[in-house]
Each structure stands twice: as structure tokens, then as C-alpha cells.
Amino acid sequence: MDAIADALVYAVTYVNHHGADQAESLFGGDVGALDRIAASLRNATPVEEDALAAAAERAAAAERAAPTPRPEFVRDYERWMEAMFGEGWQGNRRLPVGE
């Protein structure tokens, strides 16, 4: 499961930044793909969510350790779960129920 989670975290972040750097009309498919991934992840189990959170943390650590880390990628990886799932997450940490 780690390999799939790692790939998904990287792919979503890459497509998000790739589309932001180009004209929107050229990457309409990227936006659709991100929407589809987000919709599918809404059905993720807590175990799958934990795997994604761990993958996001690994990606952030790898990006920080890179010879020339990209600040925008570090920032996105550090808050990947919160950006993807919103409520119930602070960065890549699950909030206790009721917070």
C-alpha cells in the first residue's frame, strides 16, 4: 500500500503544480483527473488515509532533503491531507474527534 500511496501523493501534487504553471485550457484533463481522484478518496478507509498521510510525510521529508528543495512542494506535501480531506486534518495529522 505504501507504493500506491507514495505514487498518488506525488501525482496529485505534480499535476496540481503542472496545471498551475500552464494555461488552464491546455490542462483541463488534469483538473478533471484531480476531481476524480478527490472524489474517489472520499471513500478511503481510515487505514488508507493513514497510508496517504505517511506517504505525504515521506514526500515532504524527501523534498526537504533534496539538493534544491522546492518550497511550494514542501508546503503542499506538509499539508496534503488537510488540503485533500479538509475537516479532521491539520497538515498531515488526524485531529482527535471533536476538534
Protein backbone atom coordinates (compact mmCIF):
# COMPACT_ATOMS: atom_id res chain seq x y z
CA MET A 1 0.00 0.00 0.00
CA ASP A 2 2.91 2.40 0.64
CA ALA A 3 3.98 2.38 -3.01
CA ILE A 4 0.46 3.24 -4.16
CA ALA A 5 0.10 5.97 -1.55
CA ASP A 6 3.51 7.43 -2.44
CA ALA A 7 2.62 7.47 -6.13
CA LEU A 8 -0.77 9.07 -5.53
CA VAL A 9 0.60 11.83 -3.28
CA TYR A 10 3.30 12.65 -5.83
CA ALA A 11 0.93 12.51 -8.81
CA VAL A 12 -1.69 14.79 -7.27
CA THR A 13 0.91 17.33 -6.18
CA TYR A 14 2.70 17.24 -9.53
CA VAL A 15 -0.48 17.63 -11.58
CA ASN A 16 -1.63 20.42 -9.28
CA HIS A 17 1.59 22.36 -9.86
CA HIS A 18 1.92 21.42 -13.52
CA GLY A 19 -1.52 22.84 -14.25
CA ALA A 20 -0.81 25.97 -12.21
CA ASP A 21 2.25 26.69 -14.36
CA GLN A 22 0.41 26.40 -17.69
CA ALA A 23 -2.65 27.86 -19.37
CA GLU A 24 -5.78 26.31 -17.86
CA SER A 25 -7.23 25.44 -21.24
CA LEU A 26 -4.28 23.16 -22.01
CA PHE A 27 -4.75 21.07 -18.88
CA GLY A 28 -8.50 20.72 -18.47
CA GLY A 29 -7.95 16.96 -18.29
CA ASP A 30 -5.60 17.44 -15.33
CA VAL A 31 -8.31 19.28 -13.42
CA GLY A 32 -10.80 16.54 -14.24
CA ALA A 33 -8.33 13.89 -13.10
CA LEU A 34 -7.76 15.70 -9.81
CA ASP A 35 -11.51 15.98 -9.27
CA ARG A 36 -11.93 12.26 -9.93
CA ILE A 37 -9.09 11.33 -7.56
CA ALA A 38 -10.51 13.56 -4.83
CA ALA A 39 -13.96 12.04 -5.25
CA SER A 40 -12.53 8.52 -5.05
CA LEU A 41 -10.51 9.34 -1.95
CA ARG A 42 -13.65 10.42 -0.13
CA ASN A 43 -14.32 6.67 0.23
CA ALA A 44 -10.89 5.90 1.69
CA THR A 45 -10.82 3.86 4.87
CA PRO A 46 -9.00 5.19 7.95
CA VAL A 47 -6.17 2.73 7.22
CA GLU A 48 -5.89 4.07 3.66
CA GLU A 49 -5.97 7.64 4.96
CA ASP A 50 -3.15 6.81 7.39
CA ALA A 51 -1.11 5.37 4.48
CA LEU A 52 -1.68 8.57 2.49
CA ALA A 53 -0.68 10.73 5.46
CA ALA A 54 2.52 8.71 5.91
CA ALA A 55 3.24 9.00 2.18
CA ALA A 56 2.78 12.77 2.32
CA GLU A 57 5.20 12.96 5.24
CA ARG A 58 7.77 10.86 3.34
CA ALA A 59 7.39 13.12 0.29
CA ALA A 60 7.84 16.24 2.41
CA ALA A 61 10.96 14.79 4.06
CA ALA A 62 12.41 13.76 0.68
CA GLU A 63 11.72 17.19 -0.81
CA ARG A 64 13.31 18.96 2.18
CA ALA A 65 16.39 16.70 1.81
CA ALA A 66 16.74 17.38 -1.92
CA PRO A 67 19.79 19.39 -3.05
CA THR A 68 17.44 22.19 -4.14
CA PRO A 69 14.11 21.73 -2.34
CA ARG A 70 11.12 23.37 -3.97
CA PRO A 71 9.37 25.38 -1.23
CA GLU A 72 5.96 25.13 -2.88
CA PHE A 73 6.21 21.32 -2.98
CA VAL A 74 7.40 21.13 0.63
CA ARG A 75 4.44 23.28 1.66
CA ASP A 76 1.96 21.16 -0.33
CA TYR A 77 3.34 17.86 0.94
CA GLU A 78 3.26 19.13 4.54
CA ARG A 79 -0.45 19.92 4.31
CA TRP A 80 -1.51 17.28 1.77
CA MET A 81 -4.13 15.54 3.89
CA GLU A 82 -5.68 18.78 5.11
CA ALA A 83 -5.91 20.05 1.53
CA MET A 84 -7.35 16.75 0.26
CA PHE A 85 -9.74 15.91 3.09
CA GLY A 86 -10.24 19.20 4.95
CA GLU A 87 -12.08 18.78 8.20
CA GLY A 88 -10.49 16.38 10.63
CA TRP A 89 -6.92 17.06 9.48
CA GLN A 90 -4.28 19.59 10.46
CA GLY A 91 -1.46 19.26 7.97
CA ASN A 92 -0.93 15.52 7.73
CA ARG A 93 -2.09 14.79 11.28
CA ARG A 94 -5.52 13.50 12.05
CA LEU A 95 -7.27 15.67 14.63
CA PRO A 96 -8.90 13.99 17.59
CA VAL A 97 -12.66 13.58 17.14
CA GLY A 98 -14.49 16.73 18.18
CA GLU A 99 -11.77 19.23 17.21
